[in-house]
Amino acid sequence: MLEGARATLAARHPRLFIEMHGDTMAAKRQNAQAVVELLVGLGYDEILHVESGTMSTVTNATIAAEGHLYCQRRAAHSAGR
């Protein structure tokens, strides 16, 4: 879904609430890594792992394998979007 919405995400940076899925824990970790990398590449600079309260980055993205991500672009948030 995120790949299909790439242009909208890059242009508008809507706030997102994402739940990770995968058949195995390894698949969930891989999906979490790919999602965080995509979002960072699109300009999202606040990617919060809701359950732990930890900001997810490319280096710790696998923390999101279990749980949810709340994502927003800080610059867009402060501009009232």
N, C-alpha and C. Protein backbone atom coordinates (compact mmCIF):
# COMPACT_ATOMS: atom_id res chain seq x y z
N MET A 1 0.82 -1.18 0.00
CA MET A 1 0.00 0.00 0.00
C MET A 1 0.87 1.25 0.00
N LEU A 2 1.92 1.25 0.80
CA LEU A 2 2.78 2.43 0.87
C LEU A 2 3.48 2.70 -0.46
N GLU A 3 3.93 1.66 -1.13
CA GLU A 3 4.57 1.83 -2.44
C GLU A 3 3.59 2.46 -3.43
N GLY A 4 2.33 2.02 -3.41
CA GLY A 4 1.33 2.56 -4.32
C GLY A 4 0.97 4.00 -4.02
N ALA A 5 1.18 4.42 -2.79
CA ALA A 5 0.85 5.79 -2.38
C ALA A 5 2.08 6.68 -2.31
N ARG A 6 3.17 6.22 -2.88
CA ARG A 6 4.46 6.93 -2.78
C ARG A 6 4.36 8.40 -3.16
N ALA A 7 3.71 8.73 -4.27
CA ALA A 7 3.63 10.13 -4.71
C ALA A 7 2.85 10.99 -3.71
N THR A 8 1.75 10.46 -3.21
CA THR A 8 0.95 11.19 -2.23
C THR A 8 1.71 11.36 -0.93
N LEU A 9 2.37 10.32 -0.48
CA LEU A 9 3.15 10.40 0.76
C LEU A 9 4.27 11.42 0.64
N ALA A 10 4.94 11.45 -0.50
CA ALA A 10 6.05 12.38 -0.70
C ALA A 10 5.56 13.83 -0.78
N ALA A 11 4.40 14.03 -1.40
CA ALA A 11 3.89 15.38 -1.58
C ALA A 11 3.14 15.92 -0.37
N ARG A 12 2.37 15.07 0.29
CA ARG A 12 1.47 15.54 1.36
C ARG A 12 1.88 15.15 2.77
N HIS A 13 2.67 14.11 2.91
CA HIS A 13 3.10 13.61 4.22
C HIS A 13 1.95 13.47 5.21
N PRO A 14 0.91 12.71 4.85
CA PRO A 14 -0.17 12.52 5.83
C PRO A 14 0.35 11.72 7.03
N ARG A 15 -0.27 11.92 8.16
CA ARG A 15 0.07 11.12 9.33
C ARG A 15 -0.40 9.69 9.09
N LEU A 16 0.39 8.74 9.53
CA LEU A 16 0.10 7.33 9.29
C LEU A 16 0.11 6.55 10.59
N PHE A 17 -0.75 5.56 10.68
CA PHE A 17 -0.76 4.60 11.78
C PHE A 17 -0.65 3.24 11.12
N ILE A 18 0.44 2.53 11.36
CA ILE A 18 0.77 1.31 10.61
C ILE A 18 0.95 0.14 11.56
N GLU A 19 0.39 -1.01 11.18
CA GLU A 19 0.59 -2.26 11.91
C GLU A 19 1.39 -3.20 11.02
N MET A 20 2.41 -3.82 11.57
CA MET A 20 3.26 -4.74 10.80
C MET A 20 2.63 -6.12 10.71
N HIS A 21 2.83 -6.76 9.57
CA HIS A 21 2.37 -8.13 9.37
C HIS A 21 3.47 -8.95 8.70
N GLY A 22 3.37 -10.24 8.83
CA GLY A 22 4.29 -11.18 8.21
C GLY A 22 4.01 -12.57 8.73
N ASP A 23 4.32 -13.57 7.94
CA ASP A 23 4.06 -14.96 8.33
C ASP A 23 4.93 -15.43 9.48
N THR A 24 6.12 -14.88 9.56
CA THR A 24 7.07 -15.26 10.61
C THR A 24 7.64 -14.00 11.25
N MET A 25 8.30 -14.14 12.37
CA MET A 25 8.93 -12.98 13.00
C MET A 25 10.01 -12.41 12.08
N ALA A 26 10.73 -13.26 11.38
CA ALA A 26 11.75 -12.78 10.45
C ALA A 26 11.11 -11.93 9.34
N ALA A 27 9.96 -12.36 8.84
CA ALA A 27 9.25 -11.60 7.81
C ALA A 27 8.75 -10.27 8.36
N LYS A 28 8.27 -10.27 9.59
CA LYS A 28 7.82 -9.02 10.22
C LYS A 28 8.99 -8.05 10.38
N ARG A 29 10.14 -8.55 10.78
CA ARG A 29 11.33 -7.69 10.93
C ARG A 29 11.74 -7.10 9.58
N GLN A 30 11.71 -7.95 8.57
CA GLN A 30 12.06 -7.50 7.22
C GLN A 30 11.07 -6.43 6.74
N ASN A 31 9.79 -6.65 6.98
CA ASN A 31 8.77 -5.67 6.60
C ASN A 31 8.95 -4.36 7.36
N ALA A 32 9.22 -4.45 8.65
CA ALA A 32 9.42 -3.24 9.45
C ALA A 32 10.61 -2.44 8.93
N GLN A 33 11.70 -3.12 8.62
CA GLN A 33 12.88 -2.45 8.08
C GLN A 33 12.55 -1.74 6.76
N ALA A 34 11.85 -2.42 5.88
CA ALA A 34 11.50 -1.84 4.58
C ALA A 34 10.56 -0.64 4.73
N VAL A 35 9.60 -0.74 5.63
CA VAL A 35 8.65 0.37 5.85
C VAL A 35 9.38 1.59 6.39
N VAL A 36 10.21 1.42 7.40
CA VAL A 36 10.92 2.55 7.98
C VAL A 36 11.86 3.18 6.95
N GLU A 37 12.58 2.37 6.20
CA GLU A 37 13.47 2.90 5.17
C GLU A 37 12.69 3.70 4.13
N LEU A 38 11.55 3.20 3.70
CA LEU A 38 10.71 3.90 2.73
C LEU A 38 10.25 5.25 3.29
N LEU A 39 9.73 5.23 4.51
CA LEU A 39 9.20 6.46 5.10
C LEU A 39 10.29 7.50 5.34
N VAL A 40 11.44 7.08 5.81
CA VAL A 40 12.55 8.01 5.98
C VAL A 40 12.94 8.61 4.64
N GLY A 41 12.98 7.79 3.61
CA GLY A 41 13.30 8.26 2.27
C GLY A 41 12.28 9.25 1.72
N LEU A 42 11.06 9.18 2.22
CA LEU A 42 10.00 10.09 1.77
C LEU A 42 9.90 11.34 2.64
N GLY A 43 10.77 11.46 3.63
CA GLY A 43 10.81 12.67 4.43
C GLY A 43 10.13 12.59 5.78
N TYR A 44 9.66 11.42 6.18
CA TYR A 44 9.08 11.28 7.51
C TYR A 44 10.21 11.29 8.53
N ASP A 45 10.11 12.17 9.52
CA ASP A 45 11.19 12.27 10.49
C ASP A 45 10.74 11.95 11.91
N GLU A 46 9.49 11.60 12.10
CA GLU A 46 9.00 11.10 13.38
C GLU A 46 8.26 9.79 13.13
N ILE A 47 8.92 8.71 13.45
CA ILE A 47 8.34 7.38 13.28
C ILE A 47 8.39 6.72 14.66
N LEU A 48 7.27 6.75 15.33
CA LEU A 48 7.19 6.31 16.72
C LEU A 48 6.67 4.88 16.81
N HIS A 49 7.43 4.01 17.49
CA HIS A 49 6.92 2.68 17.82
C HIS A 49 6.03 2.88 19.03
N VAL A 50 4.73 2.75 18.82
CA VAL A 50 3.74 3.13 19.82
C VAL A 50 3.91 2.38 21.13
N GLU A 51 4.07 1.08 21.06
CA GLU A 51 4.12 0.27 22.28
C GLU A 51 5.31 0.57 23.18
N SER A 52 6.45 0.88 22.60
CA SER A 52 7.64 1.13 23.41
C SER A 52 7.91 2.61 23.64
N GLY A 53 7.29 3.46 22.83
CA GLY A 53 7.55 4.89 22.93
C GLY A 53 8.89 5.29 22.33
N THR A 54 9.49 4.38 21.57
CA THR A 54 10.79 4.60 20.95
C THR A 54 10.64 5.13 19.54
N MET A 55 11.45 6.13 19.19
CA MET A 55 11.48 6.60 17.81
C MET A 55 12.21 5.56 16.97
N SER A 56 11.59 5.14 15.89
CA SER A 56 12.20 4.16 14.99
C SER A 56 13.04 4.88 13.96
N THR A 57 14.21 4.31 13.72
CA THR A 57 15.12 4.82 12.70
C THR A 57 15.53 3.65 11.82
N VAL A 58 16.30 3.93 10.81
CA VAL A 58 16.78 2.86 9.94
C VAL A 58 17.63 1.86 10.72
N THR A 59 18.33 2.32 11.74
CA THR A 59 19.21 1.43 12.50
C THR A 59 18.48 0.58 13.54
N ASN A 60 17.29 0.99 13.98
CA ASN A 60 16.56 0.18 14.97
C ASN A 60 15.15 -0.19 14.49
N ALA A 61 14.94 -0.18 13.20
CA ALA A 61 13.61 -0.38 12.61
C ALA A 61 12.95 -1.69 13.00
N THR A 62 13.73 -2.71 13.27
CA THR A 62 13.13 -4.01 13.56
C THR A 62 12.34 -4.03 14.86
N ILE A 63 12.50 -3.00 15.69
CA ILE A 63 11.69 -2.91 16.90
C ILE A 63 10.20 -2.89 16.55
N ALA A 64 9.88 -2.40 15.37
CA ALA A 64 8.49 -2.27 14.94
C ALA A 64 7.91 -3.58 14.40
N ALA A 65 8.66 -4.66 14.46
CA ALA A 65 8.15 -5.94 13.98
C ALA A 65 6.90 -6.35 14.75
N GLU A 66 6.83 -5.95 16.00
CA GLU A 66 5.65 -6.21 16.81
C GLU A 66 5.10 -4.88 17.26
N GLY A 67 3.86 -4.62 16.91
CA GLY A 67 3.24 -3.39 17.35
C GLY A 67 2.88 -2.48 16.20
N HIS A 68 2.87 -1.20 16.51
CA HIS A 68 2.36 -0.20 15.58
C HIS A 68 3.33 0.97 15.46
N LEU A 69 3.26 1.64 14.32
CA LEU A 69 4.04 2.84 14.09
C LEU A 69 3.10 4.02 13.87
N TYR A 70 3.40 5.14 14.52
CA TYR A 70 2.71 6.39 14.25
C TYR A 70 3.75 7.28 13.58
N CYS A 71 3.43 7.74 12.37
CA CYS A 71 4.42 8.42 11.54
C CYS A 71 3.91 9.79 11.12
N GLN A 72 4.81 10.77 11.21
CA GLN A 72 4.48 12.09 10.71
C GLN A 72 5.76 12.82 10.34
N ARG A 73 5.60 13.86 9.59
CA ARG A 73 6.73 14.71 9.24
C ARG A 73 6.68 15.91 10.17
N ARG A 74 7.70 16.07 10.97
CA ARG A 74 7.72 17.14 11.98
C ARG A 74 7.52 18.51 11.35
N ALA A 75 8.17 18.79 10.23
CA ALA A 75 8.03 20.08 9.57
C ALA A 75 6.58 20.33 9.15
N ALA A 76 5.92 19.30 8.64
CA ALA A 76 4.52 19.43 8.24
C ALA A 76 3.64 19.60 9.47
N HIS A 77 3.96 18.89 10.55
CA HIS A 77 3.18 18.98 11.79
C HIS A 77 3.25 20.38 12.36
N SER A 78 4.43 20.96 12.39
CA SER A 78 4.58 22.29 12.97
C SER A 78 3.97 23.37 12.08
N ALA A 79 3.77 23.06 10.81
CA ALA A 79 3.14 24.01 9.90
C ALA A 79 1.63 23.93 9.95
N GLY A 80 1.10 23.06 10.84
CA GLY A 80 -0.34 22.98 11.02
C GLY A 80 -1.04 21.96 10.15
N ARG A 81 -0.28 21.09 9.52
CA ARG A 81 -0.89 20.05 8.68
C ARG A 81 -1.47 18.97 9.52
